[in-house]
Amino acid sequence: SELGFLPDNQAKYESMLKVPYGMILISGPTGAGKTTTLYASINSLDTLGRNIVTIEDPAEYRFRDINQIQVNPQAGITFARGLRSILRLDPDVIMVGEIRDAETTQIAVQSALTGHLMLTSIHASDAAGVLTRLIDLGVEPFLIASSVIGIVAQRMVRRICPDCTHLIEAPLIERLAYEKEIGEEKTEFLYGTGCATCAYTGYLGRTGIFEILAMSDNVRTLITNRANSSEIRAQASEDGMKSMMNDGMHKVKAGIT
């Protein structure tokens, strides 16, 4: 995938997008590529015969055949108000650029529960943290458990320049971190040593590292019982979620970063 999903995460995310209604949240700090993931998600949906509406601040990319509303507080168009008006258009799929406040969050959750596929982004440090963030924004845990399909947490990392890669022995701390995640010893890793192609930086372009939390019955039970994010993270890992660190180390193994 052009986003940088490894095959198992790609399959997991594609199956989440096939669920007819519910909420998919993309999380990460500013500059983590959340909007890119949202747009790629919209692009991957079968748009034929589906009413897709977005509300964004700002609309960074124009789609054909999709209603895009831009937030404009001066004109009284906030995320919350825009989302309310979108619901009158009877959409099948709604993309909200970001949920930042309690009002928008509540409407987004209600939309997800009433037959709409809701795609949005939120600031949280990891996938499990998104669920506790929703509680902080005033959503009842049982509503989170019944509305969320899954969560993608992501960061951007630099890609190694393909024109100047060399196998170099890594510092001990990096080797230990790799061994902890991948479960095998490795002393030499690909590094970009710098060339004209990459302006002597050793890196060219960026890719994403991801963790994808697909909701399971066990995670739903934990949320309903107000478990903390570390308990949710432990259960999600047991259910097969790979951490961002693990995804990143697999990209180190593949010589991507």
Protein backbone atom coordinates (compact mmCIF):
# COMPACT_ATOMS: atom_id res chain seq x y z
CA SER A 1 0.00 0.00 0.00
CA GLU A 2 1.21 3.48 -0.76
CA LEU A 3 0.53 4.44 2.87
CA GLY A 4 3.07 1.91 4.08
CA PHE A 5 0.81 -0.79 5.54
CA LEU A 6 2.49 -4.18 5.81
CA PRO A 7 0.29 -6.98 4.35
CA ASP A 8 -1.37 -8.12 7.60
CA ASN A 9 -2.23 -4.54 8.62
CA GLN A 10 -3.44 -3.83 5.08
CA ALA A 11 -5.82 -6.81 5.25
CA LYS A 12 -7.00 -5.81 8.74
CA TYR A 13 -7.72 -2.24 7.68
CA GLU A 14 -9.48 -3.24 4.46
CA SER A 15 -11.81 -5.54 6.42
CA MET A 16 -12.62 -2.65 8.81
CA LEU A 17 -13.61 -0.46 5.84
CA LYS A 18 -16.02 -3.16 4.64
CA VAL A 19 -18.16 -2.87 7.80
CA PRO A 20 -21.29 -0.95 6.68
CA TYR A 21 -21.58 1.34 9.69
CA GLY A 22 -19.67 2.33 12.79
CA MET A 23 -16.66 4.48 13.51
CA ILE A 24 -13.04 4.20 12.37
CA LEU A 25 -10.61 6.60 14.06
CA ILE A 26 -7.15 7.58 12.82
CA SER A 27 -4.86 8.84 15.56
CA GLY A 28 -1.49 10.51 15.86
CA PRO A 29 0.17 13.86 16.47
CA THR A 30 0.16 16.73 13.96
CA GLY A 31 2.11 15.74 10.84
CA ALA A 32 1.61 11.99 11.34
CA GLY A 33 -0.20 11.60 8.00
CA LYS A 34 -3.73 11.18 9.42
CA THR A 35 -5.38 13.18 6.61
CA THR A 36 -3.53 11.12 4.00
CA THR A 37 -4.89 7.92 5.57
CA LEU A 38 -8.43 9.35 5.68
CA TYR A 39 -8.25 10.35 2.00
CA ALA A 40 -6.82 6.98 0.96
CA SER A 41 -9.67 5.32 2.90
CA ILE A 42 -12.30 7.37 1.06
CA ASN A 43 -10.57 6.61 -2.26
CA SER A 44 -10.61 2.88 -1.54
CA LEU A 45 -14.36 2.81 -0.84
CA ASP A 46 -16.72 1.84 -3.62
CA THR A 47 -18.18 5.30 -4.21
CA LEU A 48 -20.71 4.17 -6.82
CA GLY A 49 -24.22 4.64 -5.50
CA ARG A 50 -22.92 5.71 -2.10
CA ASN A 51 -23.55 9.14 -0.66
CA ILE A 52 -20.21 10.27 0.81
CA VAL A 53 -19.88 13.63 2.57
CA THR A 54 -16.84 15.18 4.28
CA ILE A 55 -16.40 18.10 6.66
CA GLU A 56 -12.84 19.37 6.91
CA ASP A 57 -10.67 22.21 8.15
CA PRO A 58 -9.39 22.86 5.52
CA ALA A 59 -10.28 20.54 2.60
CA GLU A 60 -6.75 19.62 1.47
CA TYR A 61 -7.78 17.56 -1.54
CA ARG A 62 -10.79 17.79 -3.86
CA PHE A 63 -12.72 14.62 -4.68
CA ARG A 64 -14.97 14.19 -7.68
CA ASP A 65 -18.57 13.16 -6.88
CA ILE A 66 -18.19 13.73 -3.13
CA ASN A 67 -19.77 16.57 -1.16
CA GLN A 68 -17.03 18.36 0.78
CA ILE A 69 -17.90 20.99 3.38
CA GLN A 70 -15.23 23.29 4.76
CA VAL A 71 -15.32 24.46 8.38
CA ASN A 72 -15.80 28.23 8.54
CA PRO A 73 -16.36 29.55 12.08
CA GLN A 74 -16.91 33.12 10.76
CA ALA A 75 -19.89 31.83 8.78
CA GLY A 76 -21.04 29.74 11.73
CA ILE A 77 -19.90 26.41 10.21
CA THR A 78 -18.18 24.48 13.00
CA PHE A 79 -17.44 20.74 12.91
CA ALA A 80 -20.45 20.10 15.15
CA ARG A 81 -22.88 22.29 13.19
CA GLY A 82 -21.58 21.06 9.84
CA LEU A 83 -21.95 17.46 10.96
CA ARG A 84 -25.55 18.08 12.02
CA SER A 85 -26.38 19.51 8.59
CA ILE A 86 -24.60 16.60 6.86
CA LEU A 87 -26.88 14.13 8.63
CA ARG A 88 -29.87 15.76 6.91
CA LEU A 89 -28.32 14.76 3.55
CA ASP A 90 -28.75 11.09 4.52
CA PRO A 91 -25.14 10.09 3.78
CA ASP A 92 -23.83 6.52 3.80
CA VAL A 93 -20.27 7.56 4.65
CA ILE A 94 -19.15 10.63 6.59
CA MET A 95 -15.58 11.83 6.99
CA VAL A 96 -14.95 14.37 9.76
CA GLY A 97 -11.45 15.85 9.47
CA GLU A 98 -10.88 15.85 13.21
CA ILE A 99 -12.85 15.52 16.42
CA ARG A 100 -11.56 17.96 19.01
CA ASP A 101 -14.52 18.76 21.26
CA ALA A 102 -17.23 16.96 23.19
CA GLU A 103 -20.12 18.14 20.98
CA THR A 104 -18.59 16.92 17.70
CA THR A 105 -17.57 13.64 19.36
CA GLN A 106 -21.10 12.98 20.64
CA ILE A 107 -22.67 13.63 17.21
CA ALA A 108 -20.01 11.48 15.48
CA VAL A 109 -20.70 8.55 17.82
CA GLN A 110 -24.47 8.89 17.34
CA SER A 111 -23.97 8.96 13.55
CA ALA A 112 -21.91 5.76 13.74
CA LEU A 113 -24.67 4.10 15.78
CA THR A 114 -27.44 5.09 13.37
CA GLY A 115 -26.25 3.40 10.20
CA HIS A 116 -23.42 5.63 8.93
CA LEU A 117 -19.79 4.70 8.31
CA MET A 118 -17.88 7.43 10.15
CA LEU A 119 -14.19 8.09 9.43
CA THR A 120 -12.38 10.66 11.54
CA SER A 121 -9.10 11.58 13.21
CA ILE A 122 -8.25 12.32 16.82
CA HIS A 123 -5.14 13.23 18.83
CA ALA A 124 -3.95 10.36 21.05
CA SER A 125 -0.57 8.76 21.63
CA ASP A 126 -1.58 5.22 20.63
CA ALA A 127 -4.57 3.12 19.60
CA ALA A 128 -5.68 2.19 23.13
CA GLY A 129 -5.33 5.83 24.17
CA VAL A 130 -8.02 6.79 21.63
CA LEU A 131 -10.63 4.86 23.60
CA THR A 132 -9.80 6.61 26.88
CA ARG A 133 -9.68 9.94 25.00
CA LEU A 134 -13.27 9.37 23.86
CA ILE A 135 -14.28 8.81 27.49
CA ASP A 136 -12.47 12.07 28.40
CA LEU A 137 -14.59 13.78 25.73
CA GLY A 138 -17.72 12.65 27.56
CA VAL A 139 -18.79 9.58 25.58
CA GLU A 140 -20.36 6.80 27.65
CA PRO A 141 -18.15 3.68 27.57
CA PHE A 142 -21.00 1.42 26.36
CA LEU A 143 -21.55 3.77 23.38
CA ILE A 144 -17.84 3.59 22.50
CA ALA A 145 -17.96 -0.20 22.74
CA SER A 146 -20.93 -0.41 20.37
CA SER A 147 -19.90 2.28 17.85
CA VAL A 148 -16.15 1.85 17.22
CA ILE A 149 -15.08 -0.59 14.48
CA GLY A 150 -11.38 0.00 14.91
CA ILE A 151 -8.52 2.44 15.36
CA VAL A 152 -5.36 3.17 13.40
CA ALA A 153 -2.56 4.93 15.32
CA GLN A 154 0.30 6.16 13.18
CA ARG A 155 3.55 8.11 12.90
CA MET A 156 5.71 9.10 9.95
CA VAL A 157 9.28 7.83 9.61
CA ARG A 158 11.98 8.60 7.04
CA ARG A 159 12.64 6.14 4.23
CA ILE A 160 16.22 5.07 3.55
CA CYS A 161 17.50 6.41 0.22
CA PRO A 162 17.65 3.41 -2.18
CA ASP A 163 20.72 4.79 -4.00
CA CYS A 164 23.17 4.80 -1.09
CA THR A 165 22.23 1.91 1.21
CA HIS A 166 25.00 0.05 2.98
CA LEU A 167 24.99 -2.67 5.60
CA ILE A 168 26.55 -1.18 8.70
CA GLU A 169 26.94 -2.57 12.21
CA ALA A 170 24.31 -0.97 14.45
CA PRO A 171 24.91 0.44 17.95
CA LEU A 172 24.10 -2.01 20.76
CA ILE A 173 21.03 -0.08 21.94
CA GLU A 174 19.46 -0.33 18.46
CA ARG A 175 20.31 -4.04 18.19
CA LEU A 176 18.67 -4.74 21.56
CA ALA A 177 15.53 -2.79 20.63
CA TYR A 178 15.31 -4.76 17.37
CA GLU A 179 15.84 -8.10 19.12
CA LYS A 180 13.14 -7.29 21.69
CA GLU A 181 10.53 -6.65 18.97
CA ILE A 182 11.50 -9.13 16.27
CA GLY A 183 12.86 -11.91 18.47
CA GLU A 184 16.06 -12.48 16.51
CA GLU A 185 19.61 -11.18 16.71
CA LYS A 186 20.92 -8.98 13.94
CA THR A 187 24.10 -6.90 14.02
CA GLU A 188 24.13 -5.19 10.62
CA PHE A 189 21.33 -3.03 9.25
CA LEU A 190 20.80 -1.02 6.09
CA TYR A 191 21.66 2.65 6.46
CA GLY A 192 21.66 5.42 3.88
CA THR A 193 25.17 6.87 3.85
CA GLY A 194 24.24 9.93 1.76
CA CYS A 195 24.46 10.68 -1.97
CA ALA A 196 23.38 13.29 -4.53
CA THR A 197 19.91 11.68 -4.84
CA CYS A 198 19.05 12.35 -1.19
CA ALA A 199 21.07 15.59 -0.80
CA TYR A 200 23.53 13.59 1.35
CA THR A 201 20.98 12.95 4.11
CA GLY A 202 20.71 9.17 3.63
CA TYR A 203 16.91 9.44 3.51
CA LEU A 204 14.42 9.95 0.69
CA GLY A 205 10.72 10.45 1.38
CA ARG A 206 8.67 9.13 4.25
CA THR A 207 6.43 6.21 5.10
CA GLY A 208 4.03 5.40 7.91
CA ILE A 209 4.34 3.08 10.87
CA PHE A 210 1.03 1.84 12.24
CA GLU A 211 -0.79 -0.05 14.94
CA ILE A 212 -4.31 -1.20 14.19
CA LEU A 213 -6.74 -2.06 16.94
CA ALA A 214 -9.72 -3.98 15.54
CA MET A 215 -12.44 -4.14 18.19
CA SER A 216 -12.96 -7.55 19.76
CA ASP A 217 -15.58 -8.68 22.28
CA ASN A 218 -12.88 -8.74 24.96
CA VAL A 219 -11.86 -5.14 24.25
CA ARG A 220 -15.52 -4.07 24.21
CA THR A 221 -16.04 -5.63 27.65
CA LEU A 222 -12.96 -3.83 29.01
CA ILE A 223 -14.17 -0.47 27.67
CA THR A 224 -17.65 -0.95 29.14
CA ASN A 225 -16.00 -1.70 32.49
CA ARG A 226 -13.90 1.50 32.20
CA ALA A 227 -10.55 -0.28 31.96
CA ASN A 228 -7.47 1.94 31.57
CA SER A 229 -5.51 2.20 28.34
CA SER A 230 -2.73 -0.18 29.44
CA GLU A 231 -5.29 -2.93 30.16
CA ILE A 232 -6.92 -2.31 26.78
CA ARG A 233 -3.49 -2.34 25.08
CA ALA A 234 -2.59 -5.68 26.71
CA GLN A 235 -5.86 -7.25 25.54
CA ALA A 236 -5.54 -5.83 22.02
CA SER A 237 -2.00 -7.26 21.80
CA GLU A 238 -3.35 -10.63 22.89
CA ASP A 239 -5.96 -10.27 20.12
CA GLY A 240 -3.14 -9.79 17.59
CA MET A 241 -2.50 -6.05 17.50
CA LYS A 242 1.10 -5.25 16.59
CA SER A 243 2.50 -2.07 18.17
CA MET A 244 3.86 0.86 16.14
CA MET A 245 7.33 -0.05 17.45
CA ASN A 246 6.88 -3.60 16.14
CA ASP A 247 5.65 -2.34 12.76
CA GLY A 248 8.62 0.03 12.62
CA MET A 249 11.10 -2.73 13.42
CA HIS A 250 9.62 -4.89 10.64
CA LYS A 251 10.31 -1.96 8.32
CA VAL A 252 13.88 -1.83 9.66
CA LYS A 253 14.17 -5.55 8.90
CA ALA A 254 12.91 -4.90 5.36
CA GLY A 255 15.43 -2.06 4.88
CA ILE A 256 12.71 0.59 4.52
CA THR A 257 13.68 2.78 7.48
